[in-house]
Every structure is written in C-alpha cells, then in structure tokens.
Amino acid sequence: MRLKMTANTNPIGVFDSGVGGLSVLRAMREQMPHEHVIYFGDQGHVPYGPRSMAEIQKFSEDITRFLLEHNSKLIVVACNTASAAALKYLREKFPAVPFVGMEPAVKPAAESTKTGRVGVLATPATFQGALYASVVERFGAGVELFQHTCPGLVNQIENGELNTRSTRAILEDALYPMLEKNIDTVVLGCTHYPFVIPLIQDIAGKNVRVIDPAPAVARQAKRLLESRGLVNTASASGEIRFFTSGEARAMKSALQKLLGIDGEVEKVTW
C-alpha cells in the first residue's frame, strides 16, 4: 500500500467517528471545491468519546489503511477524539502520509476573550488527552476555562436532532453554568457540535462568540497540499464518495439533514 504523492488528482481522505466530520468537509468544499474527497464515517463505532485510547487507535489505523487503499494523498482526522487519541500514533505508523488533525481552538479564544473566561465543549476523551493539555498549557495562560462534555449530544446530532427539546436541554445544562461565570466565548471541541451552532448561539446570546474550528482545519489542509505540490488544478468540481461502517441509510439521511445533499453512501465491513 503506497501513497501516490505526485498524483494531485488523488482524493483527500477524511474520517470521523460518524457524521461530525461533515462540518470539516463543508469547510473544505468552500475553500477547495476542485479537490476530490473520500469521507469515511465510522458509525458502526460511534461515539468514540467513551472508548479507550487503544480502541480509537485501532479504528483510526484501520480507516487510514482503507483511505490509503483508495489513494488518498492527504488524510484529515476530522474528529477531535480521534485526533487526541490517535493522531501522534498515526503519524508514527504512516510517516510518509501527511495528516491534518483537530485541535481545540483555545488559542483564538484566549486572544479574543474580553472577560478572560471561555467555555469549552468537547468529549471526555478530548479533555483527557495530551493534545488538549498541551494546547491549554501553551495558549491558556491567564484565561479561565470552563469545560463540559455534553453527554448525549453526539448521538442527537447523529440522529439529525439539531433543534429538539432534548438537544436544547443538553446544551442548556452545559452553557447556563458557564454563562453565570461570565464567559464570552465558546470553543467547540467536537466536529459534531458546529451543526448546533444556531442553537448554541440562541442559548448563549449574540454577545458570546462561538468558535468553529472547521475553517482553520480546511486552511491547514490546503496549505499542506500547496506546500507538497498536490493541489488539484482541474476546473471542475471535485467528486465526493461517502463510506460508513454503520447503516448506509442513516448516513444518507444525515447528508440530507446536515449538508442538504443527496449523496450515495457505500457500506464497508471489516
């Protein structure tokens, strides 16, 4: 299995535990519309948050091998939990492959907050990982961070429940105590969460900034392609192929609800 580093028409591989990475795919399409993409949603194992690091590393390695078998020229780990648990592992396992991962946007939050108080919404595995600790150590000095794991929110978004009473209750439980502490910024540390930004904004109010990490990740992917001479220079829009380890019908429904597209989904089993 060898990555064809000179073939700029090869696809970008993107994966997540489920459909959350579609928020990153959306940003990539806005910035790199000509690139072909293979998206893999590991819905057979969603959510990753409660799983062990060893499990997440195994899933991530298997998916990476699958994406490389489809000649992916770059791989975006569009999952905060997988990035925290497996990104370093993947880079060591596949040293010739360029990877882009997710990092909680503590730096821009620390730079922009006026109150010095920032809320962070992420999964337990993200908060417990060395990557998050490193980001906080490097960029969180002088800022008070308030964390919440939003139990059940990933599954709500997987089911397309973006603005239901139960989804609002989860977010209110997370945000109200933070708002009482005078936060003025919310960092989204899970790729699923950008799909409920309208609801978060409605609860938090217009004076609270909500930071979506997806555009920055898309910019980094674009920079890597440019630096390696791997940009697809074709003028036509790139094609997207969708794969899932879960039920194809569920992902197809999510594509319609989250992105407004009617894409075909292929089921993968191993």
Protein backbone atom coordinates (compact mmCIF):
# COMPACT_ATOMS: atom_id res chain seq x y z
CA MET A 1 0.00 0.00 0.00
CA ARG A 2 1.78 3.17 -1.16
CA LEU A 3 0.60 6.76 -1.21
CA LYS A 4 0.98 8.31 -4.67
CA MET A 5 2.45 11.61 -3.55
CA THR A 6 2.79 13.03 -7.07
CA ALA A 7 -0.80 12.43 -8.18
CA ASN A 8 -2.56 15.71 -7.47
CA THR A 9 -5.86 14.34 -8.78
CA ASN A 10 -5.96 11.75 -5.99
CA PRO A 11 -8.58 12.37 -3.28
CA ILE A 12 -8.26 13.77 0.19
CA GLY A 13 -9.28 11.21 2.79
CA VAL A 14 -11.46 12.46 5.64
CA PHE A 15 -12.73 10.43 8.58
CA ASP A 16 -14.71 10.84 11.78
CA SER A 17 -16.46 8.59 14.28
CA GLY A 18 -19.69 9.49 12.49
CA VAL A 19 -21.13 12.47 10.68
CA GLY A 20 -19.44 15.23 12.71
CA GLY A 21 -16.59 15.43 10.23
CA LEU A 22 -19.10 16.63 7.65
CA SER A 23 -18.68 20.06 9.26
CA VAL A 24 -15.00 19.92 8.24
CA LEU A 25 -15.90 18.59 4.80
CA ARG A 26 -18.27 21.54 4.36
CA ALA A 27 -15.43 23.98 5.11
CA MET A 28 -13.08 22.10 2.78
CA ARG A 29 -15.58 22.32 -0.07
CA GLU A 30 -15.83 26.06 0.43
CA GLN A 31 -12.06 26.51 0.28
CA MET A 32 -11.06 23.68 -2.09
CA PRO A 33 -14.03 22.99 -4.37
CA HIS A 34 -11.94 21.22 -7.01
CA GLU A 35 -10.50 18.55 -4.71
CA HIS A 36 -11.87 15.01 -4.77
CA VAL A 37 -12.74 13.67 -1.33
CA ILE A 38 -13.38 10.29 0.27
CA TYR A 39 -15.34 10.60 3.50
CA PHE A 40 -15.49 7.73 5.99
CA GLY A 41 -17.93 7.85 8.90
CA ASP A 42 -17.26 5.12 11.46
CA GLN A 43 -20.90 4.99 12.51
CA GLY A 44 -20.55 1.35 13.49
CA HIS A 45 -18.48 2.52 16.46
CA VAL A 46 -19.89 5.99 17.22
CA PRO A 47 -19.41 7.66 19.66
CA TYR A 48 -15.65 7.49 20.21
CA GLY A 49 -15.76 9.65 23.36
CA PRO A 50 -16.27 6.86 25.95
CA ARG A 51 -13.89 4.40 24.23
CA SER A 52 -10.33 3.54 25.27
CA MET A 53 -7.32 5.07 23.55
CA ALA A 54 -6.29 1.62 22.25
CA GLU A 55 -9.71 1.10 20.63
CA ILE A 56 -9.67 4.51 18.97
CA GLN A 57 -6.13 3.97 17.69
CA LYS A 58 -7.16 0.62 16.18
CA PHE A 59 -10.22 2.10 14.47
CA SER A 60 -8.16 5.04 13.19
CA GLU A 61 -5.43 2.80 11.82
CA ASP A 62 -7.92 0.55 10.01
CA ILE A 63 -9.70 3.56 8.47
CA THR A 64 -6.38 5.12 7.44
CA ARG A 65 -5.40 1.92 5.65
CA PHE A 66 -8.77 1.93 3.88
CA LEU A 67 -8.29 5.55 2.76
CA LEU A 68 -4.76 4.84 1.56
CA GLU A 69 -6.02 1.87 -0.44
CA HIS A 70 -8.16 4.46 -2.25
CA ASN A 71 -5.00 6.52 -2.97
CA SER A 72 -5.69 9.36 -0.55
CA LYS A 73 -2.94 11.97 -0.89
CA LEU A 74 -3.65 13.57 2.49
CA ILE A 75 -5.75 12.45 5.44
CA VAL A 76 -7.84 14.74 7.61
CA VAL A 77 -8.68 13.28 11.00
CA ALA A 78 -11.94 15.23 11.28
CA CYS A 79 -12.60 14.05 14.81
CA ASN A 80 -11.33 15.71 17.98
CA THR A 81 -11.44 12.47 19.96
CA ALA A 82 -9.50 10.51 17.32
CA SER A 83 -7.02 13.38 16.99
CA ALA A 84 -6.44 13.40 20.75
CA ALA A 85 -6.09 9.63 20.99
CA ALA A 86 -4.53 8.60 17.69
CA LEU A 87 -3.01 11.44 15.64
CA LYS A 88 0.52 11.02 17.05
CA TYR A 89 0.14 7.23 16.69
CA LEU A 90 -0.94 7.55 13.04
CA ARG A 91 1.95 9.87 12.16
CA GLU A 92 4.40 7.36 13.62
CA LYS A 93 2.67 4.42 11.91
CA PHE A 94 2.46 6.14 8.50
CA PRO A 95 5.45 8.54 8.36
CA ALA A 96 5.11 9.23 4.61
CA VAL A 97 1.48 10.33 4.91
CA PRO A 98 0.53 13.96 5.60
CA PHE A 99 -2.13 14.18 8.31
CA VAL A 100 -4.24 17.11 9.49
CA GLY A 101 -5.95 16.77 12.85
CA MET A 102 -8.30 18.67 15.09
CA GLU A 103 -7.11 20.89 17.94
CA PRO A 104 -9.47 22.71 20.34
CA ALA A 105 -9.37 26.40 19.39
CA VAL A 106 -8.14 27.63 22.77
CA LYS A 107 -5.58 29.96 21.17
CA PRO A 108 -8.02 32.16 19.20
CA ALA A 109 -10.42 32.10 22.16
CA ALA A 110 -7.69 33.28 24.55
CA GLU A 111 -6.69 36.01 22.10
CA SER A 112 -10.21 37.36 21.61
CA THR A 113 -11.91 36.99 25.02
CA LYS A 114 -12.66 40.22 26.84
CA THR A 115 -13.79 38.67 30.12
CA GLY A 116 -10.94 36.17 30.30
CA ARG A 117 -13.46 33.36 30.70
CA VAL A 118 -14.02 30.76 28.00
CA GLY A 119 -16.31 27.75 27.73
CA VAL A 120 -15.09 24.56 26.05
CA LEU A 121 -17.49 21.85 24.84
CA ALA A 122 -15.83 18.53 24.00
CA THR A 123 -15.91 14.78 24.65
CA PRO A 124 -14.32 13.19 27.76
CA ALA A 125 -11.55 11.63 25.64
CA THR A 126 -10.62 15.03 24.21
CA PHE A 127 -10.40 16.64 27.64
CA GLN A 128 -8.33 13.75 28.99
CA GLY A 129 -5.89 13.66 26.06
CA ALA A 130 -2.36 15.04 26.00
CA LEU A 131 -3.23 17.19 22.97
CA TYR A 132 -5.79 19.24 24.89
CA ALA A 133 -3.46 19.56 27.88
CA SER A 134 -0.72 20.81 25.57
CA VAL A 135 -2.99 23.39 23.95
CA VAL A 136 -4.12 24.69 27.34
CA GLU A 137 -0.53 24.86 28.60
CA ARG A 138 0.64 26.77 25.51
CA PHE A 139 -2.26 29.15 24.99
CA GLY A 140 -4.49 29.13 28.06
CA ALA A 141 -2.37 31.20 30.43
CA GLY A 142 -4.35 34.00 32.01
CA VAL A 143 -7.68 32.57 30.79
CA GLU A 144 -10.17 30.68 32.93
CA LEU A 145 -11.60 27.69 31.08
CA PHE A 146 -14.94 26.05 31.90
CA GLN A 147 -15.40 22.57 30.46
CA HIS A 148 -18.43 20.40 29.72
CA THR A 149 -18.73 17.05 27.93
CA CYS A 150 -22.35 17.48 26.74
CA PRO A 151 -23.37 13.82 27.31
CA GLY A 152 -25.66 12.57 24.56
CA LEU A 153 -25.12 15.49 22.18
CA VAL A 154 -23.14 13.50 19.60
CA ASN A 155 -25.93 10.94 19.32
CA GLN A 156 -28.54 13.69 18.98
CA ILE A 157 -26.63 15.16 16.04
CA GLU A 158 -26.06 11.72 14.52
CA ASN A 159 -29.85 11.34 14.55
CA GLY A 160 -30.35 14.73 12.93
CA GLU A 161 -31.98 16.21 16.04
CA LEU A 162 -30.43 19.67 15.75
CA ASN A 163 -33.12 21.75 17.41
CA THR A 164 -35.27 19.48 19.52
CA ARG A 165 -36.25 19.94 23.14
CA SER A 166 -33.84 17.22 24.32
CA THR A 167 -30.92 18.69 22.35
CA ARG A 168 -31.63 22.13 23.80
CA ALA A 169 -31.73 20.64 27.30
CA ILE A 170 -28.25 19.13 26.86
CA LEU A 171 -26.84 22.47 25.72
CA GLU A 172 -28.63 24.48 28.38
CA ASP A 173 -27.20 22.16 31.03
CA ALA A 174 -23.71 22.83 29.65
CA LEU A 175 -23.98 26.54 28.90
CA TYR A 176 -26.06 28.08 31.68
CA PRO A 177 -23.44 27.49 34.43
CA MET A 178 -20.76 28.89 32.09
CA LEU A 179 -22.84 31.96 31.29
CA GLU A 180 -23.27 32.56 35.02
CA LYS A 181 -19.45 32.67 35.20
CA ASN A 182 -19.44 35.45 32.56
CA ILE A 183 -17.92 33.57 29.62
CA ASP A 184 -17.89 35.49 26.35
CA THR A 185 -16.50 32.75 24.09
CA VAL A 186 -17.42 29.12 23.44
CA VAL A 187 -14.91 26.73 21.87
CA LEU A 188 -16.33 23.72 20.04
CA GLY A 189 -14.03 20.77 20.69
CA CYS A 190 -16.02 18.20 18.71
CA THR A 191 -16.67 18.24 14.97
CA HIS A 192 -20.30 17.28 15.54
CA TYR A 193 -21.03 20.46 17.50
CA PRO A 194 -20.85 23.06 14.67
CA PHE A 195 -24.16 21.67 13.40
CA VAL A 196 -25.88 23.05 16.50
CA ILE A 197 -24.20 26.48 16.43
CA PRO A 198 -27.57 28.20 15.78
CA LEU A 199 -28.97 26.58 18.93
CA ILE A 200 -25.83 27.37 20.96
CA GLN A 201 -25.99 30.98 19.80
CA ASP A 202 -29.68 31.18 20.67
CA ILE A 203 -28.99 29.95 24.21
CA ALA A 204 -25.78 31.92 24.79
CA GLY A 205 -26.87 35.18 23.18
CA LYS A 206 -25.40 37.39 20.47
CA ASN A 207 -22.62 38.74 22.70
CA VAL A 208 -20.99 35.30 23.06
CA ARG A 209 -18.62 34.27 20.30
CA VAL A 210 -18.81 30.62 19.16
CA ILE A 211 -15.62 29.33 17.54
CA ASP A 212 -15.99 26.69 14.82
CA PRO A 213 -12.60 25.02 14.19
CA ALA A 214 -13.53 23.63 10.76
CA PRO A 215 -12.42 26.62 8.59
CA ALA A 216 -8.95 26.63 10.19
CA VAL A 217 -8.58 22.88 9.59
CA ALA A 218 -9.57 23.33 5.95
CA ARG A 219 -6.98 26.11 5.58
CA GLN A 220 -4.28 23.87 7.04
CA ALA A 221 -5.20 21.05 4.64
CA LYS A 222 -4.99 23.50 1.73
CA ARG A 223 -1.58 24.78 2.91
CA LEU A 224 -0.24 21.23 3.11
CA LEU A 225 -1.43 20.42 -0.41
CA GLU A 226 0.16 23.61 -1.74
CA SER A 227 3.47 23.00 0.02
CA ARG A 228 3.68 19.48 -1.43
CA GLY A 229 2.54 20.39 -4.94
CA LEU A 230 -0.57 18.24 -4.57
CA VAL A 231 -3.29 20.75 -5.41
CA ASN A 232 -5.82 19.56 -7.98
CA THR A 233 -5.69 22.24 -10.67
CA ALA A 234 -8.74 20.97 -12.58
CA SER A 235 -11.53 23.50 -13.05
CA ALA A 236 -14.37 21.04 -12.48
CA SER A 237 -15.86 20.48 -9.04
CA GLY A 238 -14.33 17.57 -7.18
CA GLU A 239 -16.27 14.37 -6.55
CA ILE A 240 -17.11 13.09 -3.08
CA ARG A 241 -17.51 9.43 -2.14
CA PHE A 242 -19.13 8.55 1.16
CA PHE A 243 -18.47 5.39 3.14
CA THR A 244 -19.77 4.20 6.50
CA SER A 245 -19.17 1.25 8.81
CA GLY A 246 -22.77 1.64 10.01
CA GLU A 247 -26.03 1.77 8.13
CA ALA A 248 -25.81 3.47 4.74
CA ARG A 249 -29.38 4.68 5.08
CA ALA A 250 -28.52 6.53 8.31
CA MET A 251 -25.61 8.39 6.75
CA LYS A 252 -27.62 9.18 3.64
CA SER A 253 -30.27 10.74 5.86
CA ALA A 254 -27.60 12.72 7.72
CA LEU A 255 -26.20 14.08 4.45
CA GLN A 256 -29.63 15.43 3.60
CA LYS A 257 -30.26 16.93 7.05
CA LEU A 258 -26.78 18.34 7.71
CA LEU A 259 -25.48 19.32 4.26
CA GLY A 260 -28.61 19.36 2.15
CA ILE A 261 -27.18 16.92 -0.39
CA ASP A 262 -28.49 13.63 -1.72
CA GLY A 263 -25.29 11.57 -1.88
CA GLU A 264 -24.85 7.85 -2.32
CA VAL A 265 -23.30 6.02 0.62
CA GLU A 266 -21.34 2.76 0.49
CA LYS A 267 -21.19 0.42 3.49
CA VAL A 268 -17.82 -1.01 4.50
CA THR A 269 -17.34 -4.05 6.70
CA TRP A 270 -14.13 -5.47 8.13
